[in-house]
Amino acid sequence: MKRYTLALGLALAIQSSFAQNVNKLIEEKDVERIIKTLSADDMQGRATFTPGIDKAATFIEGEFKKIGLQPLKGLNGYRQSFSMVRTEPSKMEVSINGAPVSADKVAVVAGSSFDWNSNSDVQVVKVGADQNFQREYRSYMTSGKKTLLLVDPSSETFFKRLKDFIGRGSTTFETSANNTQQVAMVLGTFDDVKSFAVHYESKPENLPLFNVAGMIPGKSKPNEYVVFAGHYDHLGIIKAADGDSIANGADDDASGTTAMITLAKYYKKLHNNERTLIFVAFCAEEIGGFGSQYFSKQLNPDQTVAMFNIEMIGKPSKWGINSAFITGFERSDFGEILQRNLEGTAFKFYPDPYPQQNLFYRSDNATLARLGVPAHTISTDQIDTDKFYHSVDDELSTLDVNNITATIRAIALSSRSIISGKDTPKRVAKLER
């Protein structure tokens, strides 16, 4: 009993020492400085392909340089650059049985311009009132066949929503830009289609994107990687509300990016990581997760031990302060390891309380998770009731900086046995959907 008491006392003393150390090295004023900069109006909401996202990347690069991170292998700097193809529709003309169809009744999805007529190799399909247009659309989008979909007016609501989304243009990797899939949709009632003509023009443009990444090489296990990440893009300028049109994205996800930068600074100061630590700010999460998709292709998933993806930690969770949840908690023992490292503290990690939201596959952890990596997202957001989500009101003034700081400190403490090489989380199932 005396030995047990002594061992317990020693463990608590060590835990207290770690807690004091993390409180000293992770300061709330520095956390506030970083998130304030990233979510300021002069970043213009950090939308993809805008000057604001470039300005944010430059700021993150400056932080990495001050910390003393190394660029990733093969890179001369912190930007992990790649190109996307942005395609926007410029002209659509459709006629059926010789009669032109009004533009508001037409929607086209295609990777390039085309012309169809009744002699073209195009299948004409009617989607009736008794069919699910949303399901039918997805089916024909993956069919590989050129398709003219005649959509019953009963599906007008989804048709308009889909048309609005398509009208914003599409973004694809260069390797996917030659996709030959072509689907034209026409809303209306057409009993007997004897002839048709579709003319579609689009303007493809190659545009640069860039993750911002740095690393701290591991001492004894340099070929085993632990990734800390957050996405630094947001929505940019959106529809104005009360005179404000800048979606600042303070919580989504300047808070996670701030955590990633702060943890890089913390572990660089400790200088005791046995495994290699990679810190990355992902771009283009809001338009399809392209930054994390590209990053995952540059990294050997079998050498990646764990990923801490941090998203929206700006407000207390549904359990109150000193708590956060982990998506995919049940898919590996990642969460259990983290919680063991927090014994003796007030902080607790919980399983994702919003399984219906499918959050595990909705954030930047998803690509690595599908490759078998214990890649999980840590968050505190009450997403089912968050009235500031994707709005102009997602500003620093709506956040609890103390909550952000406490969560960062908890991640720092809870990750230490993974970083030291003592613990290796179990792999998740590959290609799980």
Protein backbone atom coordinates (compact mmCIF):
# COMPACT_ATOMS: atom_id res chain seq x y z
CA MET A 1 0.00 0.00 0.00
CA LYS A 2 2.86 2.35 0.82
CA ARG A 3 4.48 1.58 -2.54
CA TYR A 4 1.16 2.19 -4.29
CA THR A 5 0.68 5.48 -2.47
CA LEU A 6 4.24 6.53 -3.27
CA ALA A 7 3.83 5.61 -6.96
CA LEU A 8 0.51 7.44 -7.15
CA GLY A 9 2.00 10.47 -5.47
CA LEU A 10 4.94 10.44 -7.88
CA ALA A 11 2.60 10.15 -10.89
CA LEU A 12 0.51 13.05 -9.68
CA ALA A 13 3.62 15.12 -9.07
CA ILE A 14 4.85 14.43 -12.59
CA GLN A 15 1.41 15.25 -13.98
CA SER A 16 1.37 18.50 -12.01
CA SER A 17 4.83 19.35 -13.36
CA PHE A 18 3.66 18.75 -16.93
CA ALA A 19 0.57 20.91 -16.34
CA GLN A 20 2.64 23.75 -14.91
CA ASN A 21 5.01 23.51 -17.86
CA VAL A 22 2.24 23.61 -20.45
CA ASN A 23 0.55 26.54 -18.72
CA LYS A 24 3.80 28.47 -18.82
CA LEU A 25 4.66 27.68 -22.44
CA ILE A 26 1.16 28.11 -23.90
CA GLU A 27 0.03 31.62 -23.03
CA GLU A 28 -3.48 32.94 -23.55
CA LYS A 29 -2.25 36.32 -24.80
CA ASP A 30 -0.30 34.66 -27.60
CA VAL A 31 -3.28 32.49 -28.54
CA GLU A 32 -5.43 35.63 -28.77
CA ARG A 33 -2.81 37.43 -30.86
CA ILE A 34 -2.75 34.68 -33.50
CA ILE A 35 -6.51 34.17 -33.80
CA LYS A 36 -7.10 37.92 -33.82
CA THR A 37 -4.75 38.30 -36.77
CA LEU A 38 -6.21 35.41 -38.76
CA SER A 39 -9.82 36.50 -38.26
CA ALA A 40 -9.29 40.23 -38.81
CA ASP A 41 -11.29 42.06 -41.47
CA ASP A 42 -8.17 42.70 -43.53
CA MET A 43 -7.95 38.95 -44.21
CA GLN A 44 -11.28 39.34 -46.09
CA GLY A 45 -12.61 36.03 -44.81
CA ARG A 46 -9.69 33.99 -46.24
CA ALA A 47 -11.65 32.64 -49.23
CA THR A 48 -9.86 30.29 -51.61
CA PHE A 49 -8.27 32.00 -54.64
CA THR A 50 -8.36 35.48 -53.05
CA PRO A 51 -5.72 37.93 -51.80
CA GLY A 52 -6.99 37.23 -48.27
CA ILE A 53 -5.92 33.59 -48.33
CA ASP A 54 -2.47 34.59 -49.58
CA LYS A 55 -2.15 37.12 -46.77
CA ALA A 56 -3.13 34.49 -44.21
CA ALA A 57 -0.57 32.05 -45.64
CA THR A 58 2.13 34.70 -45.41
CA PHE A 59 1.29 35.28 -41.75
CA ILE A 60 1.44 31.54 -40.97
CA GLU A 61 4.77 31.26 -42.79
CA GLY A 62 6.10 34.07 -40.61
CA GLU A 63 5.00 32.25 -37.46
CA PHE A 64 6.67 29.02 -38.62
CA LYS A 65 9.89 30.88 -39.36
CA LYS A 66 9.93 32.51 -35.91
CA ILE A 67 9.30 29.13 -34.29
CA GLY A 68 12.15 27.57 -36.26
CA LEU A 69 10.27 24.79 -38.07
CA GLN A 70 11.93 23.05 -40.98
CA PRO A 71 10.22 22.86 -44.39
CA LEU A 72 8.90 19.45 -45.40
CA LYS A 73 11.31 17.22 -47.27
CA GLY A 74 11.71 18.34 -50.85
CA LEU A 75 10.40 21.86 -50.26
CA ASN A 76 12.46 25.04 -50.11
CA GLY A 77 9.88 26.90 -48.04
CA TYR A 78 6.74 26.34 -46.03
CA ARG A 79 4.26 26.53 -48.92
CA GLN A 80 3.20 23.18 -50.31
CA SER A 81 2.00 24.45 -53.67
CA PHE A 82 -0.18 22.78 -56.29
CA SER A 83 -2.61 23.83 -59.01
CA MET A 84 -6.34 23.42 -59.41
CA VAL A 85 -8.53 23.92 -62.45
CA ARG A 86 -11.40 26.29 -61.83
CA THR A 87 -14.18 26.00 -64.44
CA GLU A 88 -17.05 28.46 -64.68
CA PRO A 89 -19.99 28.19 -67.10
CA SER A 90 -20.14 31.11 -69.57
CA LYS A 91 -22.98 30.17 -71.92
CA MET A 92 -25.84 27.65 -72.00
CA GLU A 93 -28.44 27.31 -74.74
CA VAL A 94 -30.99 24.50 -74.89
CA SER A 95 -33.87 23.84 -77.26
CA ILE A 96 -36.29 20.94 -77.27
CA ASN A 97 -38.44 20.19 -80.29
CA GLY A 98 -37.14 23.42 -81.80
CA ALA A 99 -38.35 25.61 -78.92
CA PRO A 100 -35.73 27.39 -76.76
CA VAL A 101 -35.76 26.66 -73.01
CA SER A 102 -35.40 29.63 -70.66
CA ALA A 103 -32.03 29.84 -68.87
CA ASP A 104 -33.56 29.52 -65.40
CA LYS A 105 -34.77 26.02 -66.37
CA VAL A 106 -31.34 24.76 -67.43
CA ALA A 107 -28.36 23.43 -65.43
CA VAL A 108 -25.25 21.80 -66.90
CA VAL A 109 -22.38 19.90 -65.31
CA ALA A 110 -19.37 19.34 -67.58
CA GLY A 111 -15.60 19.61 -67.53
CA SER A 112 -15.42 21.40 -70.89
CA SER A 113 -17.51 23.01 -73.64
CA PHE A 114 -19.67 20.84 -75.90
CA ASP A 115 -22.44 20.78 -78.51
CA TRP A 116 -25.16 18.16 -78.65
CA ASN A 117 -27.98 17.52 -81.07
CA SER A 118 -30.41 14.72 -81.73
CA ASN A 119 -27.75 12.78 -83.64
CA SER A 120 -25.25 12.88 -80.77
CA ASP A 121 -24.49 9.89 -78.60
CA VAL A 122 -26.60 11.21 -75.73
CA GLN A 123 -29.13 9.38 -73.60
CA VAL A 124 -32.38 11.24 -72.89
CA VAL A 125 -33.89 10.37 -69.52
CA LYS A 126 -37.07 11.60 -67.89
CA VAL A 127 -37.12 11.95 -64.10
CA GLY A 128 -40.77 11.70 -63.16
CA ALA A 129 -42.72 13.05 -60.22
CA ASP A 130 -42.59 9.61 -58.60
CA GLN A 131 -38.78 9.51 -58.67
CA ASN A 132 -36.15 10.99 -56.36
CA PHE A 133 -34.37 13.57 -58.53
CA GLN A 134 -31.49 13.94 -56.06
CA ARG A 135 -30.75 10.23 -56.21
CA GLU A 136 -31.21 10.05 -59.99
CA TYR A 137 -28.87 13.01 -60.52
CA ARG A 138 -26.10 11.36 -58.49
CA SER A 139 -26.56 8.14 -60.42
CA TYR A 140 -26.17 9.76 -63.83
CA MET A 141 -23.27 11.93 -62.65
CA THR A 142 -21.25 8.74 -62.11
CA SER A 143 -22.59 6.82 -65.12
CA GLY A 144 -19.87 7.95 -67.53
CA LYS A 145 -22.54 8.64 -70.17
CA LYS A 146 -23.60 11.91 -71.76
CA THR A 147 -27.07 12.49 -70.37
CA LEU A 148 -29.95 14.90 -70.96
CA LEU A 149 -32.15 14.77 -67.85
CA LEU A 150 -35.71 16.03 -68.22
CA VAL A 151 -36.78 16.88 -64.69
CA ASP A 152 -40.40 17.00 -63.59
CA PRO A 153 -41.48 20.39 -62.13
CA SER A 154 -42.27 18.66 -58.82
CA SER A 155 -38.48 18.63 -58.18
CA GLU A 156 -38.13 22.37 -58.70
CA THR A 157 -36.86 23.12 -55.17
CA PHE A 158 -33.86 20.79 -55.37
CA PHE A 159 -33.29 21.73 -59.03
CA LYS A 160 -32.93 25.41 -58.14
CA ARG A 161 -30.60 24.65 -55.25
CA LEU A 162 -28.48 22.43 -57.49
CA LYS A 163 -28.46 25.02 -60.29
CA ASP A 164 -27.26 27.71 -57.89
CA PHE A 165 -24.45 25.46 -56.67
CA ILE A 166 -23.38 24.47 -60.19
CA GLY A 167 -23.46 28.10 -61.30
CA ARG A 168 -20.62 28.95 -58.93
CA GLY A 169 -18.31 26.81 -61.03
CA SER A 170 -16.32 23.70 -60.20
CA THR A 171 -12.84 23.08 -58.89
CA THR A 172 -10.85 19.96 -59.71
CA PHE A 173 -7.28 18.74 -59.55
CA GLU A 174 -5.38 19.10 -62.82
CA THR A 175 -5.35 15.32 -63.22
CA SER A 176 -9.18 15.31 -63.05
CA ALA A 177 -9.75 18.31 -65.30
CA ASN A 178 -10.23 16.19 -68.42
CA ASN A 179 -13.30 14.49 -66.98
CA THR A 180 -15.61 13.78 -69.92
CA GLN A 181 -18.77 13.41 -67.83
CA GLN A 182 -21.50 15.66 -69.26
CA VAL A 183 -24.99 16.03 -67.79
CA ALA A 184 -27.53 18.64 -68.89
CA MET A 185 -30.72 19.08 -66.87
CA VAL A 186 -33.90 20.75 -68.03
CA LEU A 187 -36.83 21.49 -65.72
CA GLY A 188 -40.22 21.06 -67.37
CA THR A 189 -42.82 18.72 -68.82
CA PHE A 190 -41.90 17.17 -72.16
CA ASP A 191 -44.21 14.43 -73.42
CA ASP A 192 -42.56 13.58 -76.71
CA VAL A 193 -38.98 14.66 -77.42
CA LYS A 194 -38.34 14.43 -81.15
CA SER A 195 -35.32 16.72 -81.30
CA PHE A 196 -32.99 18.64 -79.00
CA ALA A 197 -29.89 20.82 -79.10
CA VAL A 198 -27.56 21.80 -76.26
CA HIS A 199 -24.73 24.33 -76.55
CA TYR A 200 -22.49 24.76 -73.52
CA GLU A 201 -19.41 26.91 -73.07
CA SER A 202 -17.10 27.05 -70.06
CA LYS A 203 -13.92 28.87 -69.12
CA PRO A 204 -11.29 26.73 -67.39
CA GLU A 205 -8.51 28.49 -65.50
CA ASN A 206 -5.46 27.08 -63.75
CA LEU A 207 -5.15 28.61 -60.29
CA PRO A 208 -2.54 28.14 -57.53
CA LEU A 209 -3.30 26.75 -54.10
CA PHE A 210 -1.00 26.14 -51.16
CA ASN A 211 -0.96 24.40 -47.83
CA VAL A 212 1.47 25.86 -45.29
CA ALA A 213 3.51 23.16 -43.58
CA GLY A 214 6.58 22.73 -41.41
CA MET A 215 8.15 20.01 -39.30
CA ILE A 216 10.26 19.15 -36.26
CA PRO A 217 12.33 16.03 -37.08
CA GLY A 218 12.07 13.17 -34.61
CA LYS A 219 15.07 12.18 -32.54
CA SER A 220 14.93 8.38 -32.49
CA LYS A 221 11.97 7.71 -34.83
CA PRO A 222 12.32 10.27 -37.63
CA ASN A 223 10.37 8.13 -40.12
CA GLU A 224 7.27 7.97 -37.94
CA TYR A 225 5.01 11.01 -38.33
CA VAL A 226 2.50 12.72 -36.08
CA VAL A 227 0.44 15.39 -37.84
CA PHE A 228 -1.18 18.46 -36.27
CA ALA A 229 -3.52 20.33 -38.60
CA GLY A 230 -6.24 22.92 -39.06
CA HIS A 231 -7.65 24.58 -42.19
CA TYR A 232 -6.94 28.27 -42.66
CA ASP A 233 -9.43 29.06 -45.43
CA HIS A 234 -13.00 30.25 -44.94
CA LEU A 235 -15.89 31.68 -46.98
CA GLY A 236 -14.64 35.19 -47.74
CA ILE A 237 -17.17 37.86 -48.70
CA ILE A 238 -20.78 36.65 -48.48
CA LYS A 239 -24.27 38.15 -48.44
CA ALA A 240 -24.31 41.14 -46.09
CA ALA A 241 -26.10 41.06 -42.74
CA ASP A 242 -26.52 44.34 -40.87
CA GLY A 243 -23.92 45.94 -43.11
CA ASP A 244 -21.27 43.25 -42.57
CA SER A 245 -20.32 40.98 -45.47
CA ILE A 246 -17.02 39.49 -44.23
CA ALA A 247 -17.26 35.90 -43.00
CA ASN A 248 -14.24 36.14 -40.69
CA GLY A 249 -14.13 32.45 -39.76
CA ALA A 250 -12.77 33.05 -36.28
CA ASP A 251 -13.99 29.70 -34.96
CA ASP A 252 -14.06 28.00 -38.38
CA ASP A 253 -11.18 27.51 -38.45
CA ALA A 254 -8.86 30.27 -37.27
CA SER A 255 -9.24 28.63 -33.85
CA GLY A 256 -7.89 25.29 -35.09
CA THR A 257 -5.10 26.94 -37.09
CA THR A 258 -4.15 28.93 -33.99
CA ALA A 259 -3.99 25.70 -32.00
CA MET A 260 -1.74 24.09 -34.62
CA ILE A 261 0.68 27.06 -34.61
CA THR A 262 0.72 27.22 -30.81
CA LEU A 263 1.44 23.50 -30.52
CA ALA A 264 4.31 23.86 -33.00
CA LYS A 265 5.81 26.55 -30.78
CA TYR A 266 5.27 24.43 -27.67
CA TYR A 267 6.93 21.29 -29.01
CA LYS A 268 9.79 23.23 -30.55
CA LYS A 269 10.55 24.67 -27.11
CA LEU A 270 10.37 21.24 -25.45
CA HIS A 271 12.71 19.78 -28.07
CA ASN A 272 12.07 16.21 -26.93
CA ASN A 273 9.92 14.63 -29.64
CA GLU A 274 11.07 11.15 -30.64
CA ARG A 275 8.73 11.02 -33.64
CA THR A 276 8.72 13.61 -36.43
CA LEU A 277 6.01 16.24 -35.95
CA ILE A 278 4.35 17.82 -38.98
CA PHE A 279 2.31 21.00 -38.61
CA VAL A 280 0.06 21.95 -41.53
CA ALA A 281 -2.51 24.62 -42.31
CA PHE A 282 -4.79 23.24 -45.02
CA CYS A 283 -6.28 25.32 -47.82
CA ALA A 284 -9.56 24.79 -49.70
CA GLU A 285 -11.37 22.83 -46.98
CA GLU A 286 -14.54 24.83 -47.52
CA ILE A 287 -14.73 24.02 -51.25
CA GLY A 288 -14.00 20.31 -51.07
CA GLY A 289 -11.04 19.53 -48.82
CA PHE A 290 -8.52 19.81 -51.65
CA GLY A 291 -5.63 20.89 -49.44
CA SER A 292 -5.79 17.82 -47.22
CA GLN A 293 -6.33 15.57 -50.24
CA TYR A 294 -3.14 16.85 -51.84
CA PHE A 295 -1.18 16.67 -48.57
CA SER A 296 -2.20 13.06 -48.02
CA LYS A 297 -0.73 12.06 -51.37
CA GLN A 298 2.67 13.47 -50.37
CA LEU A 299 2.85 11.45 -47.16
CA ASN A 300 3.27 7.72 -46.66
CA PRO A 301 0.17 6.77 -44.65
CA ASP A 302 1.88 3.67 -43.29
CA GLN A 303 4.49 5.90 -41.63
CA THR A 304 1.87 8.26 -40.22
CA VAL A 305 1.16 7.26 -36.63
CA ALA A 306 -1.63 9.73 -35.85
CA MET A 307 -3.27 12.94 -36.97
CA PHE A 308 -4.67 15.63 -34.67
CA ASN A 309 -7.01 17.67 -36.85
CA ILE A 310 -8.31 20.64 -34.85
CA GLU A 311 -11.48 22.39 -35.91
CA MET A 312 -13.72 24.90 -34.14
CA ILE A 313 -12.58 24.99 -30.51
CA GLY A 314 -13.70 28.58 -29.88
CA LYS A 315 -16.66 27.94 -27.59
CA PRO A 316 -17.35 25.52 -24.72
CA SER A 317 -18.72 22.13 -25.71
CA LYS A 318 -22.09 20.73 -24.70
CA TRP A 319 -20.41 19.41 -21.52
CA GLY A 320 -19.12 22.86 -20.57
CA ILE A 321 -15.57 24.05 -20.01
CA ASN A 322 -12.58 21.66 -19.91
CA SER A 323 -14.09 19.30 -22.45
CA ALA A 324 -13.95 18.50 -26.15
CA PHE A 325 -15.06 15.68 -28.42
CA ILE A 326 -13.16 13.46 -30.84
CA THR A 327 -14.74 12.35 -34.11
CA GLY A 328 -14.49 8.63 -34.83
CA PHE A 329 -13.70 7.97 -31.16
CA GLU A 330 -14.79 4.32 -31.48
CA ARG A 331 -12.67 3.66 -34.60
CA SER A 332 -9.32 3.48 -32.75
CA ASP A 333 -7.89 3.85 -29.25
CA PHE A 334 -6.61 7.36 -30.07
CA GLY A 335 -9.12 8.97 -27.66
CA GLU A 336 -8.39 6.50 -24.89
CA ILE A 337 -4.67 7.26 -25.12
CA LEU A 338 -5.32 10.98 -24.97
CA GLN A 339 -7.56 10.62 -21.94
CA ARG A 340 -5.02 8.48 -20.07
CA ASN A 341 -2.47 11.24 -20.50
CA LEU A 342 -4.91 13.69 -18.90
CA GLU A 343 -5.36 11.76 -15.64
CA GLY A 344 -5.18 14.17 -12.73
CA THR A 345 -6.47 17.11 -14.80
CA ALA A 346 -10.00 18.48 -15.12
CA PHE A 347 -10.11 18.10 -18.90
CA LYS A 348 -12.02 15.27 -20.58
CA PHE A 349 -12.38 14.08 -24.17
CA TYR A 350 -15.74 12.62 -25.21
CA PRO A 351 -16.94 10.64 -28.23
CA ASP A 352 -18.59 12.69 -30.98
CA PRO A 353 -22.12 13.55 -29.77
CA TYR A 354 -23.34 14.34 -33.31
CA PRO A 355 -23.01 11.03 -35.21
CA GLN A 356 -25.85 12.01 -37.56
CA GLN A 357 -23.64 14.84 -38.87
CA ASN A 358 -21.01 12.36 -40.16
CA LEU A 359 -18.26 14.71 -38.94
CA PHE A 360 -15.55 12.05 -39.12
CA TYR A 361 -15.65 12.21 -42.92
CA ARG A 362 -16.50 15.91 -43.23
CA SER A 363 -13.18 17.43 -42.19
CA ASP A 364 -9.54 17.33 -43.20
CA ASN A 365 -8.83 14.13 -41.26
CA ALA A 366 -10.96 12.14 -43.71
CA THR A 367 -8.43 11.45 -46.46
CA LEU A 368 -5.79 10.02 -44.14
CA ALA A 369 -8.45 8.15 -42.17
CA ARG A 370 -9.58 6.39 -45.33
CA LEU A 371 -5.96 5.27 -45.78
CA GLY A 372 -5.94 3.65 -42.34
CA VAL A 373 -4.35 6.43 -40.29
CA PRO A 374 -5.77 7.09 -36.80
CA ALA A 375 -6.72 10.57 -38.01
CA HIS A 376 -9.31 12.28 -35.84
CA THR A 377 -10.80 15.75 -35.48
CA ILE A 378 -10.91 17.46 -32.08
CA SER A 379 -13.66 20.04 -31.63
CA THR A 380 -15.83 21.75 -29.03
CA ASP A 381 -18.47 23.15 -31.38
CA GLN A 382 -22.14 22.57 -30.62
CA ILE A 383 -22.81 22.28 -34.32
CA ASP A 384 -26.50 21.48 -33.96
CA THR A 385 -27.17 24.86 -32.30
CA ASP A 386 -24.26 27.08 -33.40
CA LYS A 387 -25.96 30.19 -34.81
CA PHE A 388 -22.64 31.76 -35.87
CA TYR A 389 -21.52 28.86 -38.10
CA HIS A 390 -20.79 30.05 -41.67
CA SER A 391 -22.07 33.53 -40.95
CA VAL A 392 -20.61 37.04 -40.74
CA ASP A 393 -20.92 36.77 -36.95
CA ASP A 394 -18.18 34.16 -36.62
CA GLU A 395 -15.83 36.76 -35.16
CA LEU A 396 -13.33 36.84 -32.31
CA SER A 397 -15.84 38.69 -30.12
CA THR A 398 -18.10 35.60 -30.14
CA LEU A 399 -15.37 33.26 -28.93
CA ASP A 400 -14.02 32.25 -25.53
CA VAL A 401 -10.23 32.60 -25.78
CA ASN A 402 -9.84 30.91 -22.41
CA ASN A 403 -11.64 27.85 -23.80
CA ILE A 404 -9.36 27.81 -26.83
CA THR A 405 -6.27 28.04 -24.64
CA ALA A 406 -7.47 25.30 -22.28
CA THR A 407 -8.18 22.99 -25.22
CA ILE A 408 -4.74 23.60 -26.76
CA ARG A 409 -3.08 22.86 -23.42
CA ALA A 410 -5.12 19.65 -23.14
CA ILE A 411 -4.05 18.54 -26.62
CA ALA A 412 -0.42 19.28 -25.71
CA LEU A 413 -0.62 17.16 -22.56
CA SER A 414 -2.69 14.36 -24.07
CA SER A 415 -0.49 13.89 -27.12
CA ARG A 416 2.82 13.49 -25.31
CA SER A 417 2.95 9.67 -25.14
CA ILE A 418 2.27 9.44 -28.88
CA ILE A 419 4.97 12.00 -29.62
CA SER A 420 7.46 10.26 -27.34
CA GLY A 421 6.89 6.95 -29.13
CA LYS A 422 5.48 5.25 -26.05
CA ASP A 423 1.97 4.86 -27.48
CA THR A 424 0.90 4.01 -31.02
CA PRO A 425 -2.85 4.28 -31.72
CA LYS A 426 -4.53 1.37 -33.47
CA ARG A 427 -5.17 1.83 -37.18
CA VAL A 428 -8.65 2.59 -38.46
CA ALA A 429 -10.29 0.52 -41.17
CA LYS A 430 -9.01 1.46 -44.64
CA LEU A 431 -11.44 2.83 -47.20
CA GLU A 432 -14.26 2.84 -44.66
CA ARG A 433 -17.18 4.97 -45.85
